[in-house]
Amino acid sequence: MRGAVEGLGSPHPLAEYLPALFQEDPFARNLVSAFDPLLAPILSALDNFHAYLDPTLAPPDFLAWLAGWLGIILDETWSLERCRTLVVHAEDLYRRRGTATGLRDQLEIFSGGLVELSENGGVVWSPVPGGPLPGTPELGIRIRVLVDDPAGVDLERLERLVIAAKPAHVPHQIEVTAR
């Protein structure tokens, strides 16, 4: 039968909800129970809908849809666990978007490696009044990504990710090296 899932019983057989007059009629019970295998997957999905909204439990096809709700496009080459990690941490990544730690964490999830990030330090403060300005006068971020296989990192996609995640006026340099 098309639409039915083998071995999945309905948690709510329709024949039990018939009026008493029809529950005694075998033809009516058989007619209505023919829809039970078709409705079982729908009822099961509704009963477990909370699990679909949890990125650690959601089925892989629904995980991509859930990521779309958050404005994330998952990479088809990533493992399922890596995709789940990105969706789980999406809220925190968005909250820290535009910061050095937010960028580092996002790049670590994307690359699967260790990210060393150095910036000019223009966002720190000095406890000494009238003291020298912190950081260096050149504005910029230097990003070093340490991975097992540098050839496995899509540099073009990494570049687009950095451009989208960092402040627009800050120049950057990216270097991908082996660990």
N, C-alpha and C. Protein backbone atom coordinates (compact mmCIF):
# COMPACT_ATOMS: atom_id res chain seq x y z
N MET A 1 0.85 -1.16 0.00
CA MET A 1 0.00 0.00 0.00
C MET A 1 0.90 1.24 0.00
N ARG A 2 0.67 2.17 -0.90
CA ARG A 2 1.49 3.36 -1.02
C ARG A 2 1.23 4.31 0.15
N GLY A 3 2.30 4.86 0.74
CA GLY A 3 2.18 5.80 1.86
C GLY A 3 2.26 5.12 3.22
N ALA A 4 2.08 3.81 3.25
CA ALA A 4 2.13 3.09 4.51
C ALA A 4 3.59 2.76 4.85
N VAL A 5 3.86 2.63 6.13
CA VAL A 5 5.19 2.24 6.59
C VAL A 5 5.06 0.83 7.15
N GLU A 6 5.87 -0.07 6.61
CA GLU A 6 5.82 -1.47 7.00
C GLU A 6 6.00 -1.63 8.51
N GLY A 7 5.05 -2.32 9.13
CA GLY A 7 5.15 -2.63 10.55
C GLY A 7 4.77 -1.52 11.50
N LEU A 8 4.41 -0.35 10.98
CA LEU A 8 4.03 0.77 11.85
C LEU A 8 2.54 0.74 12.08
N GLY A 9 2.15 0.45 13.31
CA GLY A 9 0.73 0.42 13.66
C GLY A 9 0.23 1.80 14.03
N SER A 10 -1.05 2.01 13.87
CA SER A 10 -1.63 3.30 14.21
C SER A 10 -1.84 3.39 15.72
N PRO A 11 -1.39 4.50 16.32
CA PRO A 11 -1.62 4.65 17.77
C PRO A 11 -3.08 4.96 18.09
N HIS A 12 -3.84 5.32 17.05
CA HIS A 12 -5.26 5.68 17.23
C HIS A 12 -6.08 5.03 16.11
N PRO A 13 -6.38 3.73 16.21
CA PRO A 13 -7.16 3.07 15.16
C PRO A 13 -8.53 3.74 15.00
N LEU A 14 -8.86 4.03 13.75
CA LEU A 14 -10.08 4.78 13.48
C LEU A 14 -11.35 4.03 13.87
N ALA A 15 -11.34 2.72 13.79
CA ALA A 15 -12.55 1.94 14.11
C ALA A 15 -12.99 2.16 15.55
N GLU A 16 -12.08 2.47 16.43
CA GLU A 16 -12.44 2.71 17.84
C GLU A 16 -13.21 4.01 18.03
N TYR A 17 -13.15 4.89 17.05
CA TYR A 17 -13.82 6.18 17.16
C TYR A 17 -15.16 6.21 16.43
N LEU A 18 -15.56 5.08 15.87
CA LEU A 18 -16.87 5.01 15.22
C LEU A 18 -17.98 5.03 16.26
N PRO A 19 -19.13 5.55 15.90
CA PRO A 19 -20.28 5.45 16.82
C PRO A 19 -20.59 3.97 17.10
N ALA A 20 -21.18 3.69 18.22
CA ALA A 20 -21.44 2.32 18.66
C ALA A 20 -22.18 1.50 17.61
N LEU A 21 -23.10 2.11 16.91
CA LEU A 21 -23.87 1.42 15.88
C LEU A 21 -22.95 0.85 14.80
N PHE A 22 -21.94 1.63 14.36
CA PHE A 22 -21.03 1.19 13.30
C PHE A 22 -19.91 0.29 13.82
N GLN A 23 -19.61 0.37 15.11
CA GLN A 23 -18.56 -0.49 15.65
C GLN A 23 -18.99 -1.96 15.63
N GLU A 24 -20.28 -2.20 15.63
CA GLU A 24 -20.79 -3.58 15.58
C GLU A 24 -20.83 -4.10 14.16
N ASP A 25 -20.69 -3.23 13.16
CA ASP A 25 -20.76 -3.64 11.75
C ASP A 25 -19.35 -3.97 11.24
N PRO A 26 -19.08 -5.24 10.88
CA PRO A 26 -17.74 -5.63 10.42
C PRO A 26 -17.33 -4.88 9.14
N PHE A 27 -18.28 -4.63 8.25
CA PHE A 27 -17.94 -3.92 7.01
C PHE A 27 -17.46 -2.49 7.32
N ALA A 28 -18.15 -1.79 8.19
CA ALA A 28 -17.77 -0.41 8.55
C ALA A 28 -16.40 -0.39 9.24
N ARG A 29 -16.17 -1.36 10.14
CA ARG A 29 -14.88 -1.41 10.83
C ARG A 29 -13.74 -1.69 9.84
N ASN A 30 -13.95 -2.63 8.91
CA ASN A 30 -12.91 -2.94 7.92
C ASN A 30 -12.68 -1.76 6.97
N LEU A 31 -13.75 -1.09 6.59
CA LEU A 31 -13.63 0.05 5.68
C LEU A 31 -12.80 1.17 6.32
N VAL A 32 -13.11 1.50 7.54
CA VAL A 32 -12.41 2.58 8.23
C VAL A 32 -10.98 2.17 8.60
N SER A 33 -10.78 0.92 8.98
CA SER A 33 -9.44 0.48 9.38
C SER A 33 -8.49 0.39 8.19
N ALA A 34 -9.00 0.44 6.96
CA ALA A 34 -8.13 0.46 5.78
C ALA A 34 -7.29 1.73 5.74
N PHE A 35 -7.74 2.77 6.40
CA PHE A 35 -6.99 4.04 6.41
C PHE A 35 -5.93 4.10 7.51
N ASP A 36 -5.97 3.17 8.44
CA ASP A 36 -5.01 3.18 9.55
C ASP A 36 -3.55 3.12 9.10
N PRO A 37 -3.17 2.24 8.16
CA PRO A 37 -1.76 2.23 7.73
C PRO A 37 -1.33 3.52 7.03
N LEU A 38 -2.27 4.20 6.40
CA LEU A 38 -1.93 5.47 5.74
C LEU A 38 -1.77 6.61 6.73
N LEU A 39 -2.57 6.59 7.78
CA LEU A 39 -2.52 7.66 8.77
C LEU A 39 -1.45 7.44 9.84
N ALA A 40 -0.98 6.20 10.01
CA ALA A 40 -0.01 5.89 11.06
C ALA A 40 1.25 6.76 10.98
N PRO A 41 1.89 6.95 9.79
CA PRO A 41 3.08 7.80 9.75
C PRO A 41 2.78 9.26 10.11
N ILE A 42 1.62 9.73 9.71
CA ILE A 42 1.25 11.12 10.01
C ILE A 42 1.04 11.29 11.51
N LEU A 43 0.30 10.37 12.11
CA LEU A 43 0.05 10.45 13.55
C LEU A 43 1.34 10.28 14.35
N SER A 44 2.21 9.40 13.87
CA SER A 44 3.50 9.19 14.54
C SER A 44 4.35 10.47 14.48
N ALA A 45 4.37 11.13 13.32
CA ALA A 45 5.13 12.38 13.18
C ALA A 45 4.56 13.45 14.10
N LEU A 46 3.25 13.54 14.19
CA LEU A 46 2.64 14.55 15.06
C LEU A 46 2.90 14.26 16.53
N ASP A 47 2.84 12.97 16.89
CA ASP A 47 3.10 12.60 18.29
C ASP A 47 4.55 12.88 18.69
N ASN A 48 5.47 12.87 17.72
CA ASN A 48 6.89 13.06 18.01
C ASN A 48 7.42 14.37 17.46
N PHE A 49 6.54 15.33 17.25
CA PHE A 49 6.94 16.59 16.63
C PHE A 49 8.02 17.32 17.43
N HIS A 50 8.00 17.20 18.75
CA HIS A 50 9.02 17.85 19.57
C HIS A 50 10.42 17.36 19.20
N ALA A 51 10.54 16.08 18.80
CA ALA A 51 11.85 15.55 18.41
C ALA A 51 12.30 16.13 17.08
N TYR A 52 11.36 16.49 16.21
CA TYR A 52 11.72 17.09 14.94
C TYR A 52 12.32 18.49 15.13
N LEU A 53 11.94 19.17 16.19
CA LEU A 53 12.44 20.52 16.45
C LEU A 53 13.77 20.52 17.21
N ASP A 54 14.22 19.37 17.64
CA ASP A 54 15.50 19.24 18.33
C ASP A 54 16.57 18.84 17.32
N PRO A 55 17.56 19.70 17.02
CA PRO A 55 18.55 19.37 16.00
C PRO A 55 19.35 18.11 16.29
N THR A 56 19.44 17.70 17.55
CA THR A 56 20.19 16.49 17.87
C THR A 56 19.39 15.22 17.59
N LEU A 57 18.07 15.35 17.40
CA LEU A 57 17.21 14.19 17.18
C LEU A 57 16.52 14.20 15.82
N ALA A 58 16.44 15.34 15.18
CA ALA A 58 15.67 15.48 13.94
C ALA A 58 16.21 14.57 12.84
N PRO A 59 15.31 14.01 12.02
CA PRO A 59 15.76 13.22 10.87
C PRO A 59 16.60 14.09 9.94
N PRO A 60 17.54 13.51 9.20
CA PRO A 60 18.44 14.31 8.35
C PRO A 60 17.74 15.23 7.36
N ASP A 61 16.65 14.78 6.74
CA ASP A 61 15.97 15.64 5.78
C ASP A 61 15.29 16.82 6.48
N PHE A 62 14.79 16.59 7.68
CA PHE A 62 14.15 17.67 8.43
C PHE A 62 15.18 18.62 9.02
N LEU A 63 16.39 18.11 9.29
CA LEU A 63 17.46 18.95 9.83
C LEU A 63 17.80 20.07 8.85
N ALA A 64 17.84 19.75 7.56
CA ALA A 64 18.10 20.78 6.54
C ALA A 64 17.00 21.83 6.52
N TRP A 65 15.77 21.39 6.70
CA TRP A 65 14.64 22.33 6.74
C TRP A 65 14.73 23.20 8.00
N LEU A 66 15.08 22.59 9.11
CA LEU A 66 15.24 23.31 10.37
C LEU A 66 16.36 24.34 10.25
N ALA A 67 17.44 23.97 9.59
CA ALA A 67 18.55 24.90 9.36
C ALA A 67 18.07 26.08 8.51
N GLY A 68 17.22 25.81 7.54
CA GLY A 68 16.65 26.87 6.71
C GLY A 68 15.85 27.87 7.51
N TRP A 69 15.18 27.42 8.56
CA TRP A 69 14.44 28.34 9.44
C TRP A 69 15.40 29.34 10.08
N LEU A 70 16.63 28.90 10.31
CA LEU A 70 17.62 29.75 10.96
C LEU A 70 18.49 30.51 9.96
N GLY A 71 18.21 30.34 8.68
CA GLY A 71 18.99 31.04 7.65
C GLY A 71 20.32 30.38 7.38
N ILE A 72 20.43 29.09 7.66
CA ILE A 72 21.67 28.35 7.46
C ILE A 72 21.51 27.42 6.26
N ILE A 73 22.50 27.42 5.39
CA ILE A 73 22.53 26.46 4.29
C ILE A 73 23.61 25.44 4.63
N LEU A 74 23.20 24.21 4.82
CA LEU A 74 24.14 23.16 5.20
C LEU A 74 24.92 22.68 3.98
N ASP A 75 26.18 22.35 4.20
CA ASP A 75 27.04 21.83 3.14
C ASP A 75 26.75 20.35 2.96
N GLU A 76 26.49 19.94 1.72
CA GLU A 76 26.15 18.54 1.44
C GLU A 76 27.31 17.59 1.73
N THR A 77 28.53 18.11 1.75
CA THR A 77 29.69 17.25 1.97
C THR A 77 29.96 17.00 3.46
N TRP A 78 29.29 17.72 4.34
CA TRP A 78 29.52 17.57 5.77
C TRP A 78 28.86 16.30 6.30
N SER A 79 29.42 15.81 7.40
CA SER A 79 28.81 14.67 8.09
C SER A 79 27.55 15.16 8.80
N LEU A 80 26.68 14.21 9.11
CA LEU A 80 25.43 14.54 9.80
C LEU A 80 25.72 15.19 11.15
N GLU A 81 26.71 14.70 11.87
CA GLU A 81 27.04 15.25 13.19
C GLU A 81 27.52 16.70 13.09
N ARG A 82 28.29 17.00 12.05
CA ARG A 82 28.77 18.37 11.87
C ARG A 82 27.62 19.32 11.56
N CYS A 83 26.67 18.86 10.75
CA CYS A 83 25.48 19.67 10.44
C CYS A 83 24.66 19.91 11.71
N ARG A 84 24.50 18.86 12.51
CA ARG A 84 23.75 19.01 13.76
C ARG A 84 24.44 20.02 14.68
N THR A 85 25.78 19.96 14.75
CA THR A 85 26.54 20.87 15.60
C THR A 85 26.29 22.32 15.18
N LEU A 86 26.30 22.58 13.88
CA LEU A 86 26.07 23.94 13.41
C LEU A 86 24.68 24.44 13.77
N VAL A 87 23.67 23.61 13.59
CA VAL A 87 22.30 24.03 13.90
C VAL A 87 22.12 24.22 15.40
N VAL A 88 22.73 23.34 16.20
CA VAL A 88 22.63 23.46 17.66
C VAL A 88 23.24 24.78 18.14
N HIS A 89 24.37 25.17 17.55
CA HIS A 89 25.08 26.37 18.00
C HIS A 89 24.68 27.63 17.24
N ALA A 90 23.71 27.55 16.36
CA ALA A 90 23.33 28.69 15.52
C ALA A 90 22.92 29.91 16.35
N GLU A 91 22.13 29.70 17.37
CA GLU A 91 21.68 30.83 18.20
C GLU A 91 22.86 31.56 18.82
N ASP A 92 23.78 30.81 19.40
CA ASP A 92 24.94 31.41 20.03
C ASP A 92 25.84 32.10 19.00
N LEU A 93 25.98 31.48 17.83
CA LEU A 93 26.81 32.09 16.78
C LEU A 93 26.20 33.40 16.30
N TYR A 94 24.88 33.45 16.14
CA TYR A 94 24.23 34.68 15.71
C TYR A 94 24.35 35.77 16.78
N ARG A 95 24.29 35.38 18.03
CA ARG A 95 24.39 36.35 19.12
C ARG A 95 25.78 37.00 19.14
N ARG A 96 26.80 36.23 18.80
CA ARG A 96 28.17 36.74 18.83
C ARG A 96 28.69 37.11 17.43
N ARG A 97 27.79 37.23 16.48
CA ARG A 97 28.18 37.57 15.11
C ARG A 97 28.87 38.93 15.08
N GLY A 98 29.96 39.01 14.32
CA GLY A 98 30.71 40.26 14.22
C GLY A 98 31.80 40.40 15.26
N THR A 99 31.87 39.44 16.20
CA THR A 99 32.94 39.48 17.20
C THR A 99 34.02 38.46 16.82
N ALA A 100 35.19 38.65 17.37
CA ALA A 100 36.31 37.75 17.06
C ALA A 100 36.01 36.32 17.52
N THR A 101 35.47 36.16 18.72
CA THR A 101 35.17 34.80 19.20
C THR A 101 34.05 34.16 18.39
N GLY A 102 33.06 34.94 18.00
CA GLY A 102 31.98 34.41 17.17
C GLY A 102 32.49 33.95 15.82
N LEU A 103 33.37 34.74 15.22
CA LEU A 103 33.96 34.37 13.93
C LEU A 103 34.82 33.12 14.07
N ARG A 104 35.63 33.06 15.11
CA ARG A 104 36.48 31.89 15.33
C ARG A 104 35.65 30.62 15.50
N ASP A 105 34.61 30.68 16.33
CA ASP A 105 33.78 29.51 16.55
C ASP A 105 33.06 29.06 15.27
N GLN A 106 32.58 30.03 14.50
CA GLN A 106 31.89 29.70 13.26
C GLN A 106 32.86 29.04 12.26
N LEU A 107 34.07 29.56 12.18
CA LEU A 107 35.06 28.99 11.27
C LEU A 107 35.51 27.60 11.72
N GLU A 108 35.57 27.37 13.03
CA GLU A 108 35.94 26.05 13.53
C GLU A 108 34.88 25.01 13.17
N ILE A 109 33.62 25.39 13.27
CA ILE A 109 32.55 24.47 12.88
C ILE A 109 32.60 24.23 11.38
N PHE A 110 32.80 25.29 10.61
CA PHE A 110 32.84 25.16 9.15
C PHE A 110 34.01 24.31 8.68
N SER A 111 35.20 24.59 9.20
CA SER A 111 36.40 23.92 8.70
C SER A 111 36.65 22.57 9.36
N GLY A 112 36.13 22.39 10.57
CA GLY A 112 36.40 21.17 11.31
C GLY A 112 37.80 21.16 11.90
N GLY A 113 38.46 22.30 11.89
CA GLY A 113 39.83 22.40 12.41
C GLY A 113 39.94 23.40 13.54
N LEU A 114 41.16 23.76 13.84
CA LEU A 114 41.45 24.74 14.88
C LEU A 114 41.71 26.08 14.20
N VAL A 115 41.13 27.14 14.72
CA VAL A 115 41.26 28.46 14.10
C VAL A 115 42.00 29.39 15.06
N GLU A 116 43.09 29.98 14.55
CA GLU A 116 43.82 31.01 15.29
C GLU A 116 43.46 32.33 14.64
N LEU A 117 42.99 33.25 15.45
CA LEU A 117 42.52 34.53 14.93
C LEU A 117 43.24 35.65 15.66
N SER A 118 43.84 36.55 14.91
CA SER A 118 44.46 37.70 15.55
C SER A 118 43.92 38.97 14.89
N GLU A 119 43.59 39.91 15.74
CA GLU A 119 43.05 41.18 15.25
C GLU A 119 43.92 42.31 15.78
N ASN A 120 43.64 43.52 15.32
CA ASN A 120 44.48 44.64 15.71
C ASN A 120 44.27 45.09 17.15
N GLY A 121 43.20 44.62 17.79
CA GLY A 121 42.99 44.96 19.20
C GLY A 121 42.32 46.29 19.43
N GLY A 122 41.74 46.85 18.43
CA GLY A 122 41.11 48.16 18.56
C GLY A 122 39.86 48.18 19.40
N VAL A 123 39.41 47.04 19.87
CA VAL A 123 38.19 47.00 20.67
C VAL A 123 38.48 46.75 22.15
N VAL A 124 39.74 46.79 22.55
CA VAL A 124 40.07 46.64 23.96
C VAL A 124 40.21 48.02 24.60
N TRP A 125 40.32 48.07 25.89
CA TRP A 125 40.42 49.34 26.59
C TRP A 125 41.67 49.34 27.46
N SER A 126 42.07 50.51 27.85
CA SER A 126 43.25 50.66 28.68
C SER A 126 42.84 51.15 30.06
N PRO A 127 43.35 50.54 31.12
CA PRO A 127 42.98 50.99 32.47
C PRO A 127 43.71 52.27 32.87
N VAL A 128 44.66 52.71 32.06
CA VAL A 128 45.46 53.89 32.39
C VAL A 128 44.94 55.09 31.60
N PRO A 129 44.45 56.14 32.28
CA PRO A 129 43.98 57.31 31.54
C PRO A 129 45.14 57.99 30.82
N GLY A 130 44.92 58.35 29.57
CA GLY A 130 45.95 59.03 28.80
C GLY A 130 47.05 58.11 28.33
N GLY A 131 46.91 56.82 28.57
CA GLY A 131 47.93 55.86 28.16
C GLY A 131 47.90 55.63 26.65
N PRO A 132 48.82 54.84 26.17
CA PRO A 132 48.86 54.58 24.73
C PRO A 132 47.61 53.82 24.28
N LEU A 133 47.22 54.06 23.05
CA LEU A 133 46.06 53.36 22.51
C LEU A 133 46.38 51.88 22.35
N PRO A 134 45.42 51.03 22.67
CA PRO A 134 45.67 49.60 22.56
C PRO A 134 45.71 49.16 21.10
N GLY A 135 46.34 48.01 20.87
CA GLY A 135 46.35 47.43 19.54
C GLY A 135 47.33 48.09 18.61
N THR A 136 47.13 47.85 17.32
CA THR A 136 47.98 48.43 16.30
C THR A 136 47.15 49.36 15.43
N PRO A 137 47.78 50.31 14.77
CA PRO A 137 47.00 51.25 13.96
C PRO A 137 46.39 50.62 12.71
N GLU A 138 46.97 49.52 12.19
CA GLU A 138 46.41 48.88 11.01
C GLU A 138 45.20 48.05 11.40
N LEU A 139 44.10 48.32 10.73
CA LEU A 139 42.87 47.58 10.99
C LEU A 139 42.92 46.28 10.21
N GLY A 140 42.55 45.17 10.82
CA GLY A 140 42.52 43.91 10.09
C GLY A 140 42.45 42.69 10.98
N ILE A 141 42.10 41.59 10.34
CA ILE A 141 42.01 40.30 11.02
C ILE A 141 42.86 39.31 10.23
N ARG A 142 43.69 38.58 10.94
CA ARG A 142 44.45 37.50 10.33
C ARG A 142 43.88 36.18 10.86
N ILE A 143 43.53 35.31 9.93
CA ILE A 143 42.89 34.04 10.28
C ILE A 143 43.78 32.91 9.80
N ARG A 144 44.10 32.02 10.71
CA ARG A 144 44.90 30.85 10.37
C ARG A 144 44.08 29.62 10.75
N VAL A 145 43.80 28.80 9.75
CA VAL A 145 42.98 27.60 9.96
C VAL A 145 43.89 26.38 9.89
N LEU A 146 43.92 25.62 10.97
CA LEU A 146 44.76 24.41 11.06
C LEU A 146 43.86 23.19 10.91
N VAL A 147 44.06 22.45 9.83
CA VAL A 147 43.25 21.26 9.56
C VAL A 147 44.16 20.10 9.19
N ASP A 148 43.62 18.89 9.22
CA ASP A 148 44.39 17.71 8.84
C ASP A 148 44.72 17.72 7.35
N ASP A 149 43.74 18.10 6.52
CA ASP A 149 43.92 18.11 5.07
C ASP A 149 43.53 19.48 4.52
N PRO A 150 44.49 20.37 4.29
CA PRO A 150 44.17 21.71 3.77
C PRO A 150 43.46 21.68 2.42
N ALA A 151 43.71 20.66 1.62
CA ALA A 151 43.06 20.56 0.31
C ALA A 151 41.56 20.29 0.46
N GLY A 152 41.14 19.78 1.60
CA GLY A 152 39.73 19.48 1.84
C GLY A 152 38.90 20.68 2.23
N VAL A 153 39.52 21.84 2.44
CA VAL A 153 38.80 23.05 2.82
C VAL A 153 38.51 23.87 1.58
N ASP A 154 37.26 24.22 1.38
CA ASP A 154 36.85 25.03 0.24
C ASP A 154 37.16 26.50 0.57
N LEU A 155 38.27 27.00 0.02
CA LEU A 155 38.74 28.36 0.33
C LEU A 155 37.74 29.43 -0.10
N GLU A 156 37.10 29.21 -1.24
CA GLU A 156 36.13 30.20 -1.73
C GLU A 156 34.94 30.32 -0.78
N ARG A 157 34.49 29.18 -0.30
CA ARG A 157 33.37 29.19 0.63
C ARG A 157 33.79 29.76 2.00
N LEU A 158 35.00 29.45 2.41
CA LEU A 158 35.55 30.00 3.65
C LEU A 158 35.63 31.52 3.56
N GLU A 159 36.08 32.01 2.41
CA GLU A 159 36.18 33.45 2.18
C GLU A 159 34.79 34.11 2.28
N ARG A 160 33.79 33.50 1.65
CA ARG A 160 32.42 34.05 1.71
C ARG A 160 31.89 34.05 3.14
N LEU A 161 32.22 33.01 3.89
CA LEU A 161 31.78 32.93 5.28
C LEU A 161 32.40 34.05 6.12
N VAL A 162 33.70 34.29 5.92
CA VAL A 162 34.39 35.35 6.67
C VAL A 162 33.80 36.71 6.30
N ILE A 163 33.58 36.95 5.03
CA ILE A 163 33.03 38.24 4.58
C ILE A 163 31.65 38.47 5.19
N ALA A 164 30.85 37.42 5.28
CA ALA A 164 29.50 37.56 5.84
C ALA A 164 29.51 37.72 7.36
N ALA A 165 30.52 37.18 8.03
CA ALA A 165 30.51 37.15 9.49
C ALA A 165 31.27 38.29 10.15
N LYS A 166 32.21 38.90 9.46
CA LYS A 166 33.02 39.96 10.08
C LYS A 166 32.41 41.32 9.78
N PRO A 167 32.81 42.36 10.52
CA PRO A 167 32.36 43.71 10.17
C PRO A 167 32.83 44.08 8.76
N ALA A 168 32.00 44.73 8.00
CA ALA A 168 32.26 44.99 6.58
C ALA A 168 33.51 45.83 6.35
N HIS A 169 33.85 46.74 7.25
CA HIS A 169 34.97 47.66 7.03
C HIS A 169 36.33 47.07 7.42
N VAL A 170 36.35 45.85 7.94
CA VAL A 170 37.58 45.26 8.43
C VAL A 170 38.17 44.32 7.37
N PRO A 171 39.40 44.62 6.88
CA PRO A 171 40.03 43.70 5.93
C PRO A 171 40.50 42.43 6.64
N HIS A 172 40.69 41.37 5.87
CA HIS A 172 41.11 40.11 6.48
C HIS A 172 42.08 39.36 5.56
N GLN A 173 42.80 38.43 6.17
CA GLN A 173 43.68 37.50 5.46
C GLN A 173 43.39 36.12 6.00
N ILE A 174 43.34 35.14 5.09
CA ILE A 174 43.07 33.76 5.51
C ILE A 174 44.23 32.88 5.07
N GLU A 175 44.67 32.02 5.98
CA GLU A 175 45.71 31.05 5.68
C GLU A 175 45.25 29.70 6.18
N VAL A 176 45.25 28.69 5.30
CA VAL A 176 44.86 27.33 5.68
C VAL A 176 46.12 26.47 5.65
N THR A 177 46.45 25.86 6.78
CA THR A 177 47.65 25.03 6.87
C THR A 177 47.34 23.70 7.55
N ALA A 178 48.27 22.77 7.41
CA ALA A 178 48.12 21.47 8.06
C ALA A 178 48.50 21.59 9.53
N ARG A 179 47.89 20.76 10.35
CA ARG A 179 48.18 20.76 11.79
C ARG A 179 49.56 20.29 12.07
